[in-house]
């Protein structure tokens, strides 16, 4: 592989890790959704 291909693969791995790590570690599960959407608005109505 040439240098650019290795850099692209490394960047892809970093982005994938940043996307998956919070889900894997369960971070943010205890927080409320900031934008509840139509479901919560319908429940409160």
Protein backbone atom coordinates (compact mmCIF):
# COMPACT_ATOMS: atom_id res chain seq x y z
CA UNK A 1 0.00 0.00 0.00
CA UNK A 2 1.21 3.48 -0.67
CA UNK A 3 1.32 6.21 1.93
CA UNK A 4 -1.99 7.87 1.02
CA UNK A 5 -3.88 4.60 1.23
CA UNK A 6 -2.48 3.91 4.69
CA UNK A 7 -3.41 7.41 5.89
CA UNK A 8 -6.94 7.05 4.53
CA UNK A 9 -7.36 3.67 6.21
CA UNK A 10 -6.08 5.06 9.50
CA UNK A 11 -8.48 8.01 9.33
CA UNK A 12 -11.35 5.65 8.56
CA UNK A 13 -10.48 3.52 11.59
CA UNK A 14 -10.30 6.59 13.82
CA UNK A 15 -13.71 7.84 12.66
CA UNK A 16 -15.25 4.39 13.10
CA UNK A 17 -13.78 4.11 16.60
CA UNK A 18 -15.13 7.53 17.56
CA UNK A 19 -18.58 6.49 16.33
CA UNK A 20 -18.63 3.11 18.10
CA UNK A 21 -16.84 3.80 21.40
CA UNK A 22 -19.62 5.81 23.11
CA UNK A 23 -22.12 3.11 22.16
CA UNK A 24 -19.85 0.31 23.34
CA UNK A 25 -19.07 2.02 26.64
CA UNK A 26 -22.68 3.07 27.26
CA UNK A 27 -21.82 6.73 27.59
CA UNK A 28 -24.78 9.07 27.56
CA UNK A 29 -27.36 6.46 28.50
CA UNK A 30 -28.27 8.31 31.68
CA UNK A 31 -28.99 11.59 29.90
CA UNK A 32 -32.33 12.76 28.56
CA UNK A 33 -32.66 13.32 24.86
CA UNK A 34 -32.16 17.03 24.14
CA UNK A 35 -34.66 16.90 21.28
CA UNK A 36 -37.44 14.54 22.25
CA UNK A 37 -39.36 14.98 19.01
CA UNK A 38 -43.01 14.41 18.24
CA UNK A 39 -43.43 11.36 20.49
CA UNK A 40 -42.69 13.23 23.69
CA UNK A 41 -44.79 16.19 22.59
CA UNK A 42 -47.73 13.86 21.97
CA UNK A 43 -47.29 12.26 25.39
CA UNK A 44 -47.30 15.61 27.18
CA UNK A 45 -50.37 16.87 25.27
